[in-house]
Protein backbone atom coordinates (compact mmCIF):
# COMPACT_ATOMS: atom_id res chain seq x y z
CA MET A 1 -117.81 54.72 -11.80
CA GLN A 2 -119.58 56.72 -9.40
CA VAL A 3 -117.51 58.46 -6.07
CA LEU A 4 -119.11 58.79 -3.34
CA LEU A 5 -117.47 62.39 -1.46
CA THR A 6 -118.57 62.53 2.39
CA ARG A 7 -118.14 65.58 3.47
CA GLY A 8 -115.84 65.90 7.17
CA ARG A 9 -117.68 67.11 10.27
CA GLY A 10 -115.85 69.03 13.45
CA PHE A 11 -117.29 69.83 16.80
CA SER A 12 -119.96 72.09 17.69
CA LEU A 13 -119.94 74.74 19.98
CA LEU A 14 -122.36 72.91 22.43
CA GLU A 15 -120.27 69.88 21.94
CA MET A 16 -117.16 71.59 23.21
CA ILE A 17 -118.97 73.37 25.91
CA ILE A 18 -120.06 70.02 26.87
CA VAL A 19 -116.84 68.31 27.10
CA VAL A 20 -115.35 71.61 28.94
CA VAL A 21 -117.87 71.22 31.62
CA LEU A 22 -117.33 67.47 31.81
CA LEU A 23 -113.32 67.71 32.20
CA GLY A 24 -113.81 70.12 34.92
CA ILE A 25 -116.20 67.83 36.70
CA VAL A 26 -113.53 65.24 36.29
CA GLY A 27 -110.57 67.49 37.39
CA ALA A 28 -112.31 68.59 40.30
CA ALA A 29 -113.11 65.42 41.82
CA ILE A 30 -109.57 64.42 41.38
CA GLY A 31 -108.40 67.43 42.89
CA GLY A 32 -110.29 66.75 45.76
CA PHE A 33 -108.03 64.07 46.26
CA ILE A 34 -104.97 65.24 45.53
CA LEU A 35 -104.61 68.39 46.51
CA PRO A 36 -105.10 67.81 50.63
CA ALA A 37 -102.78 64.39 50.01
CA VAL A 38 -100.37 67.47 48.34
CA ARG A 39 -100.99 70.14 51.44
CA ALA A 40 -100.96 67.35 54.16
CA TYR A 41 -97.27 66.31 52.91
CA GLN A 42 -96.11 70.03 52.56
CA ALA A 43 -97.02 70.48 55.74
CA GLN A 44 -95.57 67.55 57.23
CA GLY A 45 -92.01 68.65 55.37
CA GLN A 46 -92.49 71.63 57.16
CA ARG A 47 -93.22 70.56 60.66
CA ALA A 48 -90.88 67.89 60.18
CA ALA A 49 -88.18 70.65 59.38
CA LEU A 50 -89.53 72.64 62.29
CA VAL A 51 -88.71 70.04 64.83
CA ASP A 52 -85.17 69.28 63.12
CA ALA A 53 -84.49 72.95 64.00
CA GLY A 54 -85.97 72.82 67.06
CA GLU A 55 -84.24 69.12 68.39
CA SER A 56 -81.04 70.84 66.82
CA ALA A 57 -81.13 73.48 68.96
CA LEU A 58 -82.01 71.52 72.39
CA ARG A 59 -79.20 69.19 71.60
CA ARG A 60 -76.74 72.25 71.57
CA LEU A 61 -78.00 73.99 74.65
CA ALA A 62 -78.21 70.79 76.75
CA ARG A 63 -74.21 69.65 75.43
CA ASP A 64 -73.16 72.97 77.20
CA VAL A 65 -74.92 72.40 80.14
CA ARG A 66 -73.80 68.92 80.43
CA ILE A 67 -70.31 70.28 80.79
CA SER A 68 -71.09 73.17 82.77
CA LEU A 69 -69.54 73.85 86.25
CA PRO A 70 -71.49 72.61 89.04
CA ASN A 71 -73.61 75.20 90.48
CA SER A 72 -72.80 77.60 87.91
CA LEU A 73 -76.21 77.99 85.83
CA ARG A 74 -77.73 81.60 86.29
CA ILE A 75 -81.38 81.33 84.99
CA THR A 76 -83.38 84.58 84.61
CA ASN A 77 -86.94 84.60 82.96
CA THR A 78 -87.64 87.77 80.87
CA GLY A 79 -90.85 89.14 79.42
CA SER A 80 -89.90 87.72 76.01
CA GLY A 81 -88.49 84.70 77.05
CA PHE A 82 -85.44 83.77 79.10
CA ALA A 83 -81.67 83.74 79.61
CA LEU A 84 -79.54 81.13 80.47
CA GLU A 85 -75.67 81.21 81.76
CA MET A 86 -72.92 78.91 82.64
CA VAL A 87 -69.10 78.52 82.84
CA PRO A 88 -68.63 75.53 80.66
CA THR A 89 -65.30 73.18 81.98
CA ALA A 90 -63.05 71.71 80.16
CA ASP A 91 -61.71 68.75 81.96
CA GLY A 92 -61.87 67.71 85.57
CA ALA A 93 -60.43 65.08 88.08
CA ARG A 94 -59.85 64.16 91.04
CA TYR A 95 -57.47 65.65 93.39
CA CYS A 96 -55.58 63.97 95.91
CA THR A 97 -56.13 64.28 99.94
CA THR A 98 -55.44 62.57 102.96
CA GLY A 99 -56.43 58.79 103.45
CA VAL A 100 -56.78 57.94 99.77
CA ALA A 101 -54.71 55.21 98.96
CA ASP A 102 -51.13 56.35 96.98
CA CYS A 103 -51.45 59.93 98.08
CA SER A 104 -48.69 61.13 100.52
CA SER A 105 -48.68 64.01 102.48
CA GLY A 106 -46.48 65.47 100.00
CA ASN A 107 -48.79 65.58 97.00
CA VAL A 108 -52.37 66.14 98.52
CA LEU A 109 -53.97 69.21 98.02
CA THR A 110 -54.06 71.73 101.18
CA ILE A 111 -58.09 73.33 101.77
CA GLY A 112 -57.73 76.19 103.29
CA SER A 113 -54.29 77.30 103.11
CA SER A 114 -52.18 78.39 100.15
CA ASP A 115 -51.05 75.43 97.87
CA ASN A 116 -49.27 75.57 94.58
CA GLN A 117 -48.70 71.91 93.92
CA PHE A 118 -50.77 68.48 94.17
CA ASP A 119 -51.57 65.58 92.12
CA VAL A 120 -54.72 64.24 90.44
CA LEU A 121 -55.57 60.58 90.51
CA GLY A 122 -55.73 59.60 87.13
CA CYS A 123 -55.30 61.44 83.87
CA PHE A 124 -57.09 64.40 82.38
CA GLN A 125 -58.81 63.43 79.06
CA ASN A 126 -58.72 66.67 77.25
CA ALA A 127 -55.57 66.61 75.02
CA SER A 128 -55.25 70.18 74.89
CA PHE A 129 -54.08 70.68 78.48
CA THR A 130 -51.08 68.81 78.60
CA GLY A 131 -47.47 70.82 79.10
CA SER A 132 -47.67 74.11 80.60
CA PRO A 133 -51.07 75.17 79.13
CA ALA A 134 -52.23 79.10 79.18
CA GLY A 135 -55.39 80.51 79.51
CA TYR A 136 -56.73 77.55 81.09
CA ARG A 137 -57.70 77.85 85.53
CA LEU A 138 -58.61 75.49 87.77
CA VAL A 139 -62.26 75.36 90.02
CA ILE A 140 -62.64 73.64 93.42
CA GLY A 141 -65.67 73.78 95.94
CA ASP A 142 -67.38 76.28 93.98
CA SER A 143 -70.94 75.37 95.91
CA SER A 144 -73.07 78.49 94.82
CA GLY A 145 -71.81 80.11 91.88
CA GLN A 146 -68.92 82.00 93.69
CA PHE A 147 -66.75 81.82 90.40
CA TYR A 148 -69.37 84.83 89.41
CA SER A 149 -68.15 86.86 92.00
CA ALA A 150 -65.66 89.69 92.10
CA ALA A 151 -65.83 89.49 88.29
CA GLY A 152 -64.80 85.93 88.25
CA THR A 153 -61.56 86.44 90.80
CA SER A 154 -63.17 84.59 93.19
CA ALA A 155 -60.96 82.20 95.46
CA VAL A 156 -62.56 79.03 94.38
CA ALA A 157 -60.64 79.72 90.84
CA THR A 158 -57.40 80.25 90.18
CA PRO A 159 -56.87 83.74 88.55
CA THR A 160 -55.94 84.09 84.62
CA SER A 161 -52.36 85.01 85.69
CA THR A 162 -51.66 82.08 87.15
CA THR A 163 -49.75 79.24 84.91
CA ILE A 164 -50.93 75.65 85.02
CA SER A 165 -48.04 73.09 84.45
CA LEU A 166 -48.55 69.47 84.21
CA SER A 167 -45.91 66.80 84.93
CA ILE A 168 -45.97 63.13 85.51
CA PHE A 169 -45.72 61.56 88.60
CA PRO A 170 -43.41 59.42 89.75
CA GLY A 171 -42.49 59.39 86.14
CA THR A 172 -41.10 55.95 86.24
CA GLY A 173 -41.95 52.75 83.91
CA GLY A 174 -42.49 51.97 80.78
CA THR A 175 -40.71 54.15 77.88
CA PRO A 176 -42.09 56.86 76.59
CA THR A 177 -43.51 57.69 80.46
CA GLN A 178 -47.07 58.82 79.74
CA CYS A 179 -49.71 59.11 81.99
CA GLY A 180 -51.91 56.11 83.31
CA THR A 181 -49.31 53.54 82.46
CA ALA A 182 -47.50 51.28 85.49
CA SER A 183 -44.64 52.47 87.19
CA ALA A 184 -41.87 51.57 88.47
CA THR A 185 -43.34 51.43 91.99
CA ALA A 186 -45.59 48.73 92.73
CA ASN A 187 -49.11 48.46 92.45
CA SER A 188 -48.87 52.28 91.08
CA TYR A 189 -49.57 54.21 88.39
CA ASN A 190 -48.23 57.17 86.75
CA ARG A 191 -50.47 60.71 86.92
CA TYR A 192 -50.58 64.28 86.50
CA ARG A 193 -49.08 66.37 89.41
CA LEU A 194 -50.07 70.06 88.97
CA THR A 195 -48.20 72.76 89.72
CA LEU A 196 -49.05 76.78 89.96
CA THR A 197 -46.82 79.81 89.47
CA ALA A 198 -48.59 81.10 92.43
CA GLY A 199 -50.02 79.83 95.59
CA GLN A 200 -53.78 79.18 95.73
CA THR A 201 -55.89 79.06 98.70
CA PHE A 202 -59.22 77.19 97.79
CA PRO A 203 -61.65 77.94 100.48
CA ASN A 204 -63.92 75.63 100.22
CA ALA A 205 -63.31 71.24 99.58
CA SER A 206 -64.82 68.98 97.20
CA SER A 207 -66.99 66.55 98.68
CA ARG A 208 -65.99 64.06 95.59
CA GLN A 209 -62.07 65.55 95.64
CA ARG A 210 -63.19 66.82 92.05
CA VAL A 211 -60.81 69.43 90.15
CA PHE A 212 -62.33 71.23 87.20
CA VAL A 213 -60.30 72.49 84.45
CA VAL A 214 -62.02 76.08 82.26
CA GLN A 215 -60.41 77.69 79.50
CA SER A 216 -60.65 81.56 80.05
CA SER A 217 -61.53 82.49 76.37
CA ALA A 218 -64.47 79.82 76.20
CA LEU A 219 -66.66 81.31 79.02
CA PRO A 220 -69.01 82.47 80.36
CA VAL A 221 -71.49 80.89 77.91
CA SER A 222 -75.39 82.72 77.54
CA TYR A 223 -78.43 81.25 75.96
CA ILE A 224 -80.76 83.98 75.08
CA CYS A 225 -84.33 83.51 73.89
CA ASP A 226 -86.35 86.50 72.71
CA THR A 227 -89.93 85.83 71.04
CA THR A 228 -90.13 88.93 69.99
CA ALA A 229 -86.79 88.77 67.45
CA GLN A 230 -88.07 84.79 67.18
CA THR A 231 -84.42 83.68 68.06
CA LEU A 232 -82.19 81.76 70.33
CA THR A 233 -78.91 82.60 70.51
CA ARG A 234 -75.76 81.33 71.85
CA TYR A 235 -72.87 84.16 73.48
CA SER A 236 -69.71 83.05 74.69
CA GLY A 237 -66.01 84.56 75.00
CA TYR A 238 -67.16 87.60 77.21
CA THR A 239 -66.11 89.06 80.48
CA VAL A 240 -67.34 87.49 83.75
CA GLN A 241 -69.91 89.60 85.69
CA ALA A 242 -70.75 89.26 88.92
CA THR A 243 -74.78 90.17 87.99
CA GLN A 244 -75.94 88.22 85.10
CA PRO A 245 -76.36 89.57 82.06
CA THR A 246 -79.97 89.23 80.33
CA THR A 247 -79.18 91.15 77.23
CA ALA A 248 -77.17 91.33 74.18
CA ALA A 249 -75.84 94.50 75.29
CA ALA A 250 -75.19 93.77 79.09
CA ILE A 251 -73.02 90.88 77.41
CA GLY A 252 -71.10 93.00 75.14
CA ALA A 253 -68.60 92.03 73.32
CA ALA A 254 -69.05 88.12 72.59
CA THR A 255 -68.94 85.30 70.10
CA THR A 256 -72.43 84.96 68.96
CA ALA A 257 -74.39 82.34 67.20
CA VAL A 258 -77.60 82.32 66.14
CA VAL A 259 -79.37 78.76 67.44
CA ALA A 260 -82.76 78.47 66.43
CA THR A 261 -85.19 80.90 64.25
CA SER A 262 -89.04 80.69 64.24
CA LEU A 263 -89.56 80.77 68.13
CA THR A 264 -92.43 82.09 69.20
CA ALA A 265 -92.52 80.57 72.79
CA CYS A 266 -89.81 79.39 74.71
CA SER A 267 -89.65 78.83 78.39
CA LEU A 268 -86.98 77.10 81.28
CA THR A 269 -87.49 75.76 84.87
CA SER A 270 -84.66 74.21 87.19
CA THR A 271 -84.89 72.24 90.19
CA THR A 272 -81.33 73.53 90.76
CA THR A 273 -82.21 75.52 94.20
CA ASP A 274 -84.20 72.20 95.76
CA VAL A 275 -81.77 69.85 95.06
CA GLN A 276 -78.10 69.14 96.62
CA SER A 277 -76.58 66.48 94.23
CA THR A 278 -78.46 66.55 91.11
CA GLY A 279 -81.19 68.87 89.33
CA LEU A 280 -83.27 68.97 86.29
CA LEU A 281 -83.76 71.47 83.37
CA THR A 282 -86.62 71.45 81.69
CA LEU A 283 -86.65 73.40 78.16
CA THR A 284 -89.58 74.40 75.88
CA LEU A 285 -89.64 75.41 72.71
CA GLY A 286 -92.14 76.46 70.42
CA LEU A 287 -91.43 77.28 66.49
CA THR A 288 -94.12 78.66 64.34
CA ARG A 289 -93.32 78.91 60.30
CA ALA A 290 -95.75 79.00 57.01
CA GLY A 291 -98.41 78.49 59.11
CA GLU A 292 -97.11 75.42 60.79
CA THR A 293 -96.63 75.47 64.71
CA VAL A 294 -94.10 72.92 66.98
CA GLN A 295 -93.81 72.68 70.28
CA LEU A 296 -90.46 70.71 72.46
CA MET A 297 -89.53 69.71 75.15
CA HIS A 298 -86.31 68.61 76.52
CA GLN A 299 -85.24 68.20 80.15
CA VAL A 300 -81.26 67.94 81.08
CA GLN A 301 -79.86 66.12 84.12
CA LEU A 302 -77.86 68.49 86.16
CA ASP A 303 -74.86 67.10 88.14
CA ASN A 304 -74.93 70.21 91.28
CA SER A 305 -72.32 67.72 93.54
CA LEU A 306 -69.20 69.19 94.28
C-alpha cells in the first residue's frame, strides 16, 4: 500500500501583507461611516446636557422673579454679565377698604395714618403664615422699590420688630372654625384679621388693595452671572442694602448656590421701566462645554401693578 503524504502549506509574508492591507481598507471604509455617527451622537448628548443645565437655571430664576414683590427688581449689567436682585414674597391677599362689600369701618386698612389691625379678603395660602408667625413682614404700596430705601426700614413695610398675629373673623359658623368657611353671618365667610404689635403708617395705597407677605430670613435674592468665572450664582438671606450689590463681596454673608456653570455669555433686559402694569424680563444664557455651545433665551412676565 502506498501512502501519499501532503506537506501543509502556511501563509506567505506577501499574502499576510495583502490581507492586512485589505482589512485596513475595509476598516477605514466602515470607520468613515461609523465615526461621524458616533461623534454626532456624542455631540448631541453634550448639547442636550447643556440645554438641560441652561433651562434648569432659567426656570429657577424665573420662579423667583414671578413671586417677587412688584417693582422690587433691580438690574445692573456688568462687564462680565449681570446682577439681578429682587424681594421674594411668601404670600399675599387683598386688604379691606371702605366701599368693599363685607368690609365695615372697623376692619379696613387706613392709609396715611397709623393702623394696627385690619382684615384681608379671603385666606392666605402659605401654611406657615398662621397663628403668630415670627420673622414675617407686610408690604403695601411699594410703587418704586421703596422697600430697599433706608436699609429696608421704609414705611411701605412693617419693621422686623413688629410681630404680626392672625385671627379668624368673625370666627363663627362651623366647628372647627377655619378661614374660608361660611360664618354665622348671612352671606359672609370667615377671613383673616391681621393685628400688629405696633401701629404702622403705610404712605401709599395699593390700586388693587394688595398686601404682600415677605419673610426676613429669605430676602433679598440676587442672581449674579459672571462669564469670567463661567457661573450663575444665587444669593439669598443677606442684609437689605439701599444700593444694589453687584458682586459677592458687596453682598457679604449670604446663602449661596451655583445655579449653572460653563457660562460663556449672559444678558438681561427688562421693560419694567416702560410698562405700568406689566413688564417683560428677557434672559439669555450661552453655555460652552467640550467644544459644544448652546444659547438659550427665556422671557418672564412681570407683575408690576400694586
